[in-house]
Amino acid sequence: MSRSLDIGLDVDGVLYPFVQVIAGYASKVLGRPCTEKADTWDWYQRQWGLNHDEFFALCSRGVRDGVLFTEGAPLPGAMRAAKRLARAGHRLHYITARAFAGIPAPVAWHRTAEWLQKWTFPVHSLTVSGDKNCRPTDVFLDDSPHTCDALLASGHPKPVLWSHSSTQTHTAATVSTWDQFFQIIEAESGPLPTLEVGYAVY
């Protein structure tokens, strides 16, 4: 028999196109092309020439201007995947570290909640925290190797790295497609339901 899981989901880079949105905003604000291809975790330093403080000041401005966290469609397959997981009876917990300098946690929470609602993501809980182990989950999907390291160190039962590169490896389970993530969920809980014919894909 299938069992219901508590599934933790990071938002930026897994569901939300953070790099693409901030790159478009940065290009307009800075008046020069800012590539949306993130070759490294600190791409804004290596590719845009911004230091840490400058980048997060830009992000804060983007949130206040109603662009970052507000604009942008879900990454391919993300909404469809979340609905499939919820339809199988799993509880989806969104945990995101969006409260940075200039953006208080309540603001980050409300902007994130509005975006999830706009795109009809099924939500069991939403938490703004840098500690992805703040809420017990059976599986946690994140695109940060550092987060997966922290989850492994804390004894989390199943951290999973969402890899943006097919060559990236990690001691945690690594996936680069939703089908690969579904295989992990099915191994932990049982078969997922199939999607209805004509189900909208974004």
Protein backbone atom coordinates (compact mmCIF):
# COMPACT_ATOMS: atom_id res chain seq x y z
CA MET A 1 0.00 0.00 0.00
CA SER A 2 1.12 3.57 -0.66
CA ARG A 3 1.97 5.83 2.26
CA SER A 4 1.69 9.58 2.39
CA LEU A 5 4.92 11.53 2.64
CA ASP A 6 5.81 14.98 3.88
CA ILE A 7 7.71 16.38 0.90
CA GLY A 8 9.82 19.51 1.32
CA LEU A 9 10.34 21.71 -1.72
CA ASP A 10 12.74 24.58 -2.18
CA VAL A 11 11.28 27.38 -4.31
CA ASP A 12 14.02 29.27 -6.14
CA GLY A 13 15.72 27.20 -8.83
CA VAL A 14 13.35 24.28 -8.30
CA LEU A 15 9.92 25.83 -8.87
CA TYR A 16 10.60 29.52 -9.50
CA PRO A 17 12.89 30.92 -12.26
CA PHE A 18 14.92 33.12 -9.91
CA VAL A 19 17.97 33.54 -12.13
CA GLN A 20 15.95 34.33 -15.24
CA VAL A 21 13.79 36.93 -13.46
CA ILE A 22 16.63 38.71 -11.68
CA ALA A 23 18.74 38.65 -14.86
CA GLY A 24 16.03 40.42 -16.84
CA TYR A 25 15.55 42.95 -14.05
CA ALA A 26 19.29 43.51 -13.64
CA SER A 27 19.74 44.14 -17.37
CA LYS A 28 17.15 46.94 -17.22
CA VAL A 29 18.37 48.49 -13.96
CA LEU A 30 22.08 48.28 -14.72
CA GLY A 31 21.70 49.18 -18.38
CA ARG A 32 23.82 46.32 -19.65
CA PRO A 33 23.23 42.69 -20.60
CA CYS A 34 23.20 40.32 -17.60
CA THR A 35 23.19 36.72 -18.68
CA GLU A 36 20.66 34.35 -17.16
CA LYS A 37 23.00 31.40 -17.58
CA ALA A 38 24.31 30.64 -14.09
CA ASP A 39 27.55 28.72 -14.59
CA THR A 40 28.48 28.81 -10.89
CA TRP A 41 26.67 29.31 -7.58
CA ASP A 42 28.14 32.86 -7.37
CA TRP A 43 27.39 33.67 -11.00
CA TYR A 44 26.50 37.29 -10.19
CA GLN A 45 30.12 37.86 -9.10
CA ARG A 46 31.88 35.98 -11.86
CA GLN A 47 29.54 36.88 -14.74
CA TRP A 48 27.93 40.18 -13.70
CA GLY A 49 30.76 41.72 -11.68
CA LEU A 50 28.59 42.40 -8.61
CA ASN A 51 29.75 41.71 -5.08
CA HIS A 52 27.53 40.02 -2.50
CA ASP A 53 26.10 43.24 -1.05
CA GLU A 54 25.44 44.78 -4.47
CA PHE A 55 23.65 41.67 -5.67
CA PHE A 56 21.34 41.38 -2.68
CA ALA A 57 20.62 45.11 -2.77
CA LEU A 58 19.54 44.57 -6.40
CA CYS A 59 17.37 41.61 -5.35
CA SER A 60 15.74 43.67 -2.57
CA ARG A 61 14.96 46.42 -5.05
CA GLY A 62 13.51 43.85 -7.45
CA VAL A 63 11.17 42.55 -4.75
CA ARG A 64 10.07 46.08 -3.80
CA ASP A 65 9.44 46.90 -7.47
CA GLY A 66 7.10 43.90 -7.75
CA VAL A 67 9.32 41.94 -10.13
CA LEU A 68 11.35 39.38 -8.19
CA PHE A 69 9.13 36.78 -6.42
CA THR A 70 6.13 38.15 -8.34
CA GLU A 71 6.82 37.88 -12.07
CA GLY A 72 7.85 34.69 -13.82
CA ALA A 73 6.06 31.46 -14.72
CA PRO A 74 6.94 28.21 -12.92
CA LEU A 75 9.94 26.31 -14.22
CA PRO A 76 9.01 23.60 -16.76
CA GLY A 77 7.01 20.77 -15.22
CA ALA A 78 7.05 22.19 -11.68
CA MET A 79 3.35 22.95 -11.24
CA ARG A 80 2.32 19.73 -12.96
CA ALA A 81 4.66 17.77 -10.69
CA ALA A 82 3.37 19.40 -7.50
CA LYS A 83 -0.21 18.61 -8.43
CA ARG A 84 0.64 15.03 -9.21
CA LEU A 85 2.36 14.61 -5.85
CA ALA A 86 -0.57 16.17 -4.01
CA ARG A 87 -3.06 14.01 -5.87
CA ALA A 88 -1.16 10.96 -4.59
CA GLY A 89 -1.89 12.14 -1.04
CA HIS A 90 1.51 13.64 -0.24
CA ARG A 91 1.78 16.82 1.83
CA LEU A 92 3.84 19.56 0.20
CA HIS A 93 5.89 21.87 2.41
CA TYR A 94 7.54 24.83 0.71
CA ILE A 95 10.60 26.07 2.63
CA THR A 96 12.55 28.98 1.19
CA ALA A 97 15.37 31.26 2.41
CA ARG A 98 13.95 34.37 0.76
CA ALA A 99 14.28 36.68 3.78
CA PHE A 100 17.50 38.54 2.97
CA ALA A 101 18.80 42.05 3.68
CA GLY A 102 16.03 44.56 3.04
CA ILE A 103 13.29 41.93 2.71
CA PRO A 104 11.69 40.94 6.04
CA ALA A 105 10.39 37.39 6.42
CA PRO A 106 6.69 38.46 6.38
CA VAL A 107 7.17 40.24 3.05
CA ALA A 108 8.98 37.24 1.56
CA TRP A 109 6.26 34.91 2.88
CA HIS A 110 3.38 36.92 1.41
CA ARG A 111 5.03 37.38 -1.99
CA THR A 112 5.78 33.65 -2.15
CA ALA A 113 2.28 32.70 -1.04
CA GLU A 114 0.75 34.98 -3.67
CA TRP A 115 2.88 33.46 -6.43
CA LEU A 116 2.08 29.88 -5.38
CA GLN A 117 -1.62 30.73 -5.26
CA LYS A 118 -1.52 32.50 -8.63
CA TRP A 119 -0.13 29.37 -10.27
CA THR A 120 -2.42 27.06 -8.26
CA PHE A 121 0.30 25.08 -6.50
CA PRO A 122 -1.13 22.79 -3.82
CA VAL A 123 0.25 23.97 -0.46
CA HIS A 124 0.22 22.22 2.91
CA SER A 125 2.62 24.69 4.50
CA LEU A 126 4.93 27.56 3.57
CA THR A 127 7.92 28.55 5.70
CA VAL A 128 10.56 31.23 5.16
CA SER A 129 13.78 29.97 6.73
CA GLY A 130 17.38 29.31 5.85
CA ASP A 131 17.15 26.10 7.87
CA LYS A 132 15.52 23.60 5.53
CA ASN A 133 15.30 21.13 8.43
CA CYS A 134 13.03 23.48 10.39
CA ARG A 135 9.99 21.36 9.51
CA PRO A 136 10.20 17.54 9.57
CA THR A 137 9.97 16.08 6.06
CA ASP A 138 10.49 12.62 4.62
CA VAL A 139 12.08 13.91 1.41
CA PHE A 140 13.50 17.36 0.67
CA LEU A 141 14.28 18.68 -2.83
CA ASP A 142 16.70 21.60 -3.11
CA ASP A 143 19.08 22.89 -5.77
CA SER A 144 21.76 23.96 -3.28
CA PRO A 145 24.58 21.46 -2.60
CA HIS A 146 25.25 23.34 0.65
CA THR A 147 21.67 22.79 1.79
CA CYS A 148 21.91 19.10 0.97
CA ASP A 149 25.17 18.94 2.93
CA ALA A 150 23.43 20.51 5.94
CA LEU A 151 20.46 18.15 5.67
CA LEU A 152 22.74 15.12 5.47
CA ALA A 153 24.74 16.34 8.47
CA SER A 154 21.55 16.74 10.50
CA GLY A 155 20.42 13.21 9.70
CA HIS A 156 17.58 14.08 7.33
CA PRO A 157 16.13 10.83 5.93
CA LYS A 158 16.18 11.77 2.22
CA PRO A 159 17.68 15.01 0.91
CA VAL A 160 17.61 15.22 -2.89
CA LEU A 161 19.67 17.63 -4.97
CA TRP A 162 17.97 19.20 -7.98
CA SER A 163 20.89 19.46 -10.38
CA HIS A 164 21.05 22.13 -13.08
CA SER A 165 23.93 20.24 -14.69
CA SER A 166 23.80 16.66 -15.91
CA THR A 167 27.40 16.18 -14.72
CA GLN A 168 26.84 17.39 -11.15
CA THR A 169 27.08 14.72 -8.47
CA HIS A 170 26.52 14.74 -4.73
CA THR A 171 26.46 12.32 -1.83
CA ALA A 172 22.72 13.01 -1.61
CA ALA A 173 20.45 11.57 -4.28
CA THR A 174 20.69 13.75 -7.40
CA VAL A 175 17.99 14.38 -10.00
CA SER A 176 17.71 16.66 -13.02
CA THR A 177 14.13 15.84 -14.10
CA TRP A 178 10.80 15.48 -12.36
CA ASP A 179 10.50 11.91 -13.60
CA GLN A 180 13.68 11.05 -11.70
CA PHE A 181 12.24 12.69 -8.58
CA PHE A 182 9.01 10.73 -9.00
CA GLN A 183 11.05 7.52 -9.01
CA ILE A 184 12.49 8.44 -5.61
CA ILE A 185 9.04 9.26 -4.24
CA GLU A 186 7.61 6.00 -5.57
CA ALA A 187 10.46 4.06 -3.96
CA GLU A 188 9.63 5.72 -0.64
CA SER A 189 5.84 5.58 -0.83
CA GLY A 190 4.43 3.59 -3.75
CA PRO A 191 3.13 4.36 -7.29
CA LEU A 192 2.01 7.84 -8.25
CA PRO A 193 -1.27 8.35 -10.12
CA THR A 194 -1.08 9.03 -13.83
CA LEU A 195 -2.10 12.41 -15.19
CA GLU A 196 -5.43 12.96 -16.88
CA VAL A 197 -5.45 13.37 -20.65
CA GLY A 198 -5.40 17.03 -21.57
CA TYR A 199 -3.90 18.17 -18.28
CA ALA A 200 -2.42 21.63 -18.73
CA VAL A 201 1.38 21.80 -18.79
CA TYR A 202 3.22 25.10 -18.07
